[in-house]
Amino acid sequence: MVRVGNPNVEMVVYPNAGHAFHADYRASYQPAAAAAAWEKCLQFFARHLRA
């Protein structure tokens, strides 16, 4: 994890997860990285979006 500049932005690089690693219909799909990234996305939404 790297934080640069904006404290609300978090950059995460998942090893062996290239472009489109979240697309479950592609050969590049990485289920563990996709699950971890989705969880981080939901956490971000919970912190920054209001219903």
PDB file of N, CA and C in Angstrom:
ATOM      1  N   MET A   1       0.854  -1.174   0.000  1.00  0.00           N
ATOM      2  CA  MET A   1       0.000   0.000   0.000  1.00  0.00           C
ATOM      3  C   MET A   1       0.897   1.234   0.000  1.00  0.00           C
ATOM      4  N   VAL A   2       0.532   2.221  -0.809  1.00  0.00           N
ATOM      5  CA  VAL A   2       1.269   3.480  -0.901  1.00  0.00           C
ATOM      6  C   VAL A   2       0.282   4.624  -0.780  1.00  0.00           C
ATOM      7  N   ARG A   3       0.609   5.612   0.026  1.00  0.00           N
ATOM      8  CA  ARG A   3      -0.220   6.814   0.131  1.00  0.00           C
ATOM      9  C   ARG A   3       0.618   7.990  -0.357  1.00  0.00           C
ATOM     10  N   VAL A   4       0.090   8.699  -1.332  1.00  0.00           N
ATOM     11  CA  VAL A   4       0.797   9.849  -1.882  1.00  0.00           C
ATOM     12  C   VAL A   4      -0.192  10.980  -2.066  1.00  0.00           C
ATOM     13  N   GLY A   5       0.099  12.134  -1.490  1.00  0.00           N
ATOM     14  CA  GLY A   5      -0.744  13.298  -1.713  1.00  0.00           C
ATOM     15  C   GLY A   5      -2.069  13.243  -0.983  1.00  0.00           C
ATOM     16  N   ASN A   6      -3.122  12.856  -1.648  1.00  0.00           N
ATOM     17  CA  ASN A   6      -4.471  12.845  -1.099  1.00  0.00           C
ATOM     18  C   ASN A   6      -4.607  11.740  -0.053  1.00  0.00           C
ATOM     19  N   PRO A   7      -4.911  12.087   1.201  1.00  0.00           N
ATOM     20  CA  PRO A   7      -5.014  11.060   2.239  1.00  0.00           C
ATOM     21  C   PRO A   7      -6.209  10.120   2.058  1.00  0.00           C
ATOM     22  N   ASN A   8      -7.138  10.457   1.171  1.00  0.00           N
ATOM     23  CA  ASN A   8      -8.304   9.608   0.920  1.00  0.00           C
ATOM     24  C   ASN A   8      -8.059   8.580  -0.169  1.00  0.00           C
ATOM     25  N   VAL A   9      -6.873   8.613  -0.759  1.00  0.00           N
ATOM     26  CA  VAL A   9      -6.572   7.707  -1.862  1.00  0.00           C
ATOM     27  C   VAL A   9      -5.556   6.673  -1.397  1.00  0.00           C
ATOM     28  N   GLU A  10      -5.851   5.433  -1.675  1.00  0.00           N
ATOM     29  CA  GLU A  10      -4.947   4.343  -1.332  1.00  0.00           C
ATOM     30  C   GLU A  10      -4.660   3.568  -2.607  1.00  0.00           C
ATOM     31  N   MET A  11      -3.402   3.356  -2.911  1.00  0.00           N
ATOM     32  CA  MET A  11      -3.026   2.594  -4.090  1.00  0.00           C
ATOM     33  C   MET A  11      -2.496   1.240  -3.625  1.00  0.00           C
ATOM     34  N   VAL A  12      -3.060   0.187  -4.150  1.00  0.00           N
ATOM     35  CA  VAL A  12      -2.654  -1.163  -3.776  1.00  0.00           C
ATOM     36  C   VAL A  12      -2.264  -1.899  -5.048  1.00  0.00           C
ATOM     37  N   VAL A  13      -1.120  -2.561  -5.007  1.00  0.00           N
ATOM     38  CA  VAL A  13      -0.672  -3.387  -6.128  1.00  0.00           C
ATOM     39  C   VAL A  13      -0.742  -4.836  -5.665  1.00  0.00           C
ATOM     40  N   TYR A  14      -1.490  -5.636  -6.388  1.00  0.00           N
ATOM     41  CA  TYR A  14      -1.624  -7.048  -6.057  1.00  0.00           C
ATOM     42  C   TYR A  14      -0.637  -7.846  -6.918  1.00  0.00           C
ATOM     43  N   PRO A  15       0.261  -8.598  -6.276  1.00  0.00           N
ATOM     44  CA  PRO A  15       1.242  -9.380  -7.040  1.00  0.00           C
ATOM     45  C   PRO A  15       0.551 -10.343  -8.007  1.00  0.00           C
ATOM     46  N   ASN A  16       1.086 -10.455  -9.181  1.00  0.00           N
ATOM     47  CA  ASN A  16       0.580 -11.359 -10.232  1.00  0.00           C
ATOM     48  C   ASN A  16      -0.824 -11.026 -10.708  1.00  0.00           C
ATOM     49  N   ALA A  17      -1.307  -9.825 -10.407  1.00  0.00           N
ATOM     50  CA  ALA A  17      -2.628  -9.411 -10.876  1.00  0.00           C
ATOM     51  C   ALA A  17      -2.438  -8.249 -11.846  1.00  0.00           C
ATOM     52  N   GLY A  18      -2.528  -8.562 -13.109  1.00  0.00           N
ATOM     53  CA  GLY A  18      -2.352  -7.532 -14.129  1.00  0.00           C
ATOM     54  C   GLY A  18      -3.661  -6.855 -14.486  1.00  0.00           C
ATOM     55  N   HIS A  19      -3.690  -6.277 -15.657  1.00  0.00           N
ATOM     56  CA  HIS A  19      -4.872  -5.580 -16.153  1.00  0.00           C
ATOM     57  C   HIS A  19      -6.078  -6.522 -16.169  1.00  0.00           C
ATOM     58  N   ALA A  20      -7.213  -6.021 -15.743  1.00  0.00           N
ATOM     59  CA  ALA A  20      -8.492  -6.749 -15.757  1.00  0.00           C
ATOM     60  C   ALA A  20      -8.498  -7.962 -14.829  1.00  0.00           C
ATOM     61  N   PHE A  21      -7.768  -7.883 -13.726  1.00  0.00           N
ATOM     62  CA  PHE A  21      -7.724  -9.015 -12.802  1.00  0.00           C
ATOM     63  C   PHE A  21      -9.069  -9.265 -12.122  1.00  0.00           C
ATOM     64  N   HIS A  22      -9.983  -8.305 -12.201  1.00  0.00           N
ATOM     65  CA  HIS A  22     -11.290  -8.455 -11.563  1.00  0.00           C
ATOM     66  C   HIS A  22     -12.348  -9.010 -12.526  1.00  0.00           C
ATOM     67  N   ALA A  23     -12.020  -9.124 -13.792  1.00  0.00           N
ATOM     68  CA  ALA A  23     -12.970  -9.596 -14.809  1.00  0.00           C
ATOM     69  C   ALA A  23     -12.994 -11.126 -14.807  1.00  0.00           C
ATOM     70  N   ASP A  24     -14.028 -11.695 -14.194  1.00  0.00           N
ATOM     71  CA  ASP A  24     -14.069 -13.148 -14.024  1.00  0.00           C
ATOM     72  C   ASP A  24     -14.310 -13.929 -15.313  1.00  0.00           C
ATOM     73  N   TYR A  25     -14.516 -13.247 -16.397  1.00  0.00           N
ATOM     74  CA  TYR A  25     -14.707 -13.914 -17.692  1.00  0.00           C
ATOM     75  C   TYR A  25     -13.431 -13.905 -18.534  1.00  0.00           C
ATOM     76  N   ARG A  26     -12.327 -13.404 -17.960  1.00  0.00           N
ATOM     77  CA  ARG A  26     -11.062 -13.328 -18.703  1.00  0.00           C
ATOM     78  C   ARG A  26     -10.019 -14.243 -18.066  1.00  0.00           C
ATOM     79  N   ALA A  27      -9.043 -14.607 -18.866  1.00  0.00           N
ATOM     80  CA  ALA A  27      -7.947 -15.456 -18.364  1.00  0.00           C
ATOM     81  C   ALA A  27      -7.122 -14.737 -17.299  1.00  0.00           C
ATOM     82  N   SER A  28      -7.168 -13.413 -17.284  1.00  0.00           N
ATOM     83  CA  SER A  28      -6.384 -12.627 -16.332  1.00  0.00           C
ATOM     84  C   SER A  28      -7.022 -12.554 -14.943  1.00  0.00           C
ATOM     85  N   TYR A  29      -8.191 -13.154 -14.762  1.00  0.00           N
ATOM     86  CA  TYR A  29      -8.926 -13.101 -13.487  1.00  0.00           C
ATOM     87  C   TYR A  29      -8.092 -13.696 -12.356  1.00  0.00           C
ATOM     88  N   GLN A  30      -8.013 -12.957 -11.264  1.00  0.00           N
ATOM     89  CA  GLN A  30      -7.308 -13.391 -10.054  1.00  0.00           C
ATOM     90  C   GLN A  30      -8.299 -13.325  -8.893  1.00  0.00           C
ATOM     91  N   PRO A  31      -8.940 -14.437  -8.533  1.00  0.00           N
ATOM     92  CA  PRO A  31     -10.019 -14.403  -7.546  1.00  0.00           C
ATOM     93  C   PRO A  31      -9.628 -13.808  -6.186  1.00  0.00           C
ATOM     94  N   ALA A  32      -8.477 -14.152  -5.662  1.00  0.00           N
ATOM     95  CA  ALA A  32      -8.078 -13.637  -4.342  1.00  0.00           C
ATOM     96  C   ALA A  32      -7.869 -12.129  -4.392  1.00  0.00           C
ATOM     97  N   ALA A  33      -7.173 -11.654  -5.420  1.00  0.00           N
ATOM     98  CA  ALA A  33      -6.938 -10.220  -5.566  1.00  0.00           C
ATOM     99  C   ALA A  33      -8.251  -9.487  -5.820  1.00  0.00           C
ATOM    100  N   ALA A  34      -9.127 -10.073  -6.617  1.00  0.00           N
ATOM    101  CA  ALA A  34     -10.420  -9.451  -6.909  1.00  0.00           C
ATOM    102  C   ALA A  34     -11.251  -9.313  -5.639  1.00  0.00           C
ATOM    103  N   ALA A  35     -11.268 -10.343  -4.816  1.00  0.00           N
ATOM    104  CA  ALA A  35     -12.033 -10.299  -3.569  1.00  0.00           C
ATOM    105  C   ALA A  35     -11.468  -9.243  -2.624  1.00  0.00           C
ATOM    106  N   ALA A  36     -10.153  -9.194  -2.511  1.00  0.00           N
ATOM    107  CA  ALA A  36      -9.518  -8.208  -1.631  1.00  0.00           C
ATOM    108  C   ALA A  36      -9.775  -6.790  -2.127  1.00  0.00           C
ATOM    109  N   ALA A  37      -9.674  -6.590  -3.427  1.00  0.00           N
ATOM    110  CA  ALA A  37      -9.901  -5.268  -4.001  1.00  0.00           C
ATOM    111  C   ALA A  37     -11.354  -4.835  -3.836  1.00  0.00           C
ATOM    112  N   TRP A  38     -12.286  -5.770  -4.016  1.00  0.00           N
ATOM    113  CA  TRP A  38     -13.704  -5.442  -3.865  1.00  0.00           C
ATOM    114  C   TRP A  38     -14.004  -5.041  -2.422  1.00  0.00           C
ATOM    115  N   GLU A  39     -13.410  -5.746  -1.461  1.00  0.00           N
ATOM    116  CA  GLU A  39     -13.604  -5.403  -0.053  1.00  0.00           C
ATOM    117  C   GLU A  39     -13.078  -3.997   0.231  1.00  0.00           C
ATOM    118  N   LYS A  40     -11.915  -3.661  -0.310  1.00  0.00           N
ATOM    119  CA  LYS A  40     -11.364  -2.312  -0.136  1.00  0.00           C
ATOM    120  C   LYS A  40     -12.272  -1.266  -0.775  1.00  0.00           C
ATOM    121  N   CYS A  41     -12.846  -1.594  -1.909  1.00  0.00           N
ATOM    122  CA  CYS A  41     -13.762  -0.684  -2.591  1.00  0.00           C
ATOM    123  C   CYS A  41     -14.997  -0.425  -1.732  1.00  0.00           C
ATOM    124  N   LEU A  42     -15.571  -1.479  -1.170  1.00  0.00           N
ATOM    125  CA  LEU A  42     -16.746  -1.321  -0.312  1.00  0.00           C
ATOM    126  C   LEU A  42     -16.422  -0.510   0.940  1.00  0.00           C
ATOM    127  N   GLN A  43     -15.259  -0.717   1.507  1.00  0.00           N
ATOM    128  CA  GLN A  43     -14.832   0.059   2.671  1.00  0.00           C
ATOM    129  C   GLN A  43     -14.698   1.540   2.313  1.00  0.00           C
ATOM    130  N   PHE A  44     -14.139   1.811   1.133  1.00  0.00           N
ATOM    131  CA  PHE A  44     -13.995   3.192   0.669  1.00  0.00           C
ATOM    132  C   PHE A  44     -15.369   3.845   0.518  1.00  0.00           C
ATOM    133  N   PHE A  45     -16.304   3.130  -0.110  1.00  0.00           N
ATOM    134  CA  PHE A  45     -17.652   3.665  -0.280  1.00  0.00           C
ATOM    135  C   PHE A  45     -18.299   3.953   1.069  1.00  0.00           C
ATOM    136  N   ALA A  46     -18.145   3.049   2.008  1.00  0.00           N
ATOM    137  CA  ALA A  46     -18.740   3.232   3.341  1.00  0.00           C
ATOM    138  C   ALA A  46     -18.182   4.469   4.034  1.00  0.00           C
ATOM    139  N   ARG A  47     -16.900   4.745   3.827  1.00  0.00           N
ATOM    140  CA  ARG A  47     -16.282   5.912   4.459  1.00  0.00           C
ATOM    141  C   ARG A  47     -16.641   7.216   3.771  1.00  0.00           C
ATOM    142  N   HIS A  48     -16.809   7.197   2.451  1.00  0.00           N
ATOM    143  CA  HIS A  48     -16.878   8.450   1.698  1.00  0.00           C
ATOM    144  C   HIS A  48     -18.209   8.759   1.028  1.00  0.00           C
ATOM    145  N   LEU A  49     -19.105   7.807   0.963  1.00  0.00           N
ATOM    146  CA  LEU A  49     -20.411   8.053   0.336  1.00  0.00           C
ATOM    147  C   LEU A  49     -21.493   8.072   1.402  1.00  0.00           C
ATOM    148  N   ARG A  50     -22.423   8.917   1.213  1.00  0.00           N
ATOM    149  CA  ARG A  50     -23.534   8.999   2.161  1.00  0.00           C
ATOM    150  C   ARG A  50     -24.835   8.664   1.452  1.00  0.00           C
ATOM    151  N   ALA A  51     -25.690   7.940   2.129  1.00  0.00           N
ATOM    152  CA  ALA A  51     -26.984   7.535   1.541  1.00  0.00           C
ATOM    153  C   ALA A  51     -27.976   8.683   1.651  1.00  0.00           C
TER     154      ALA A  51
END
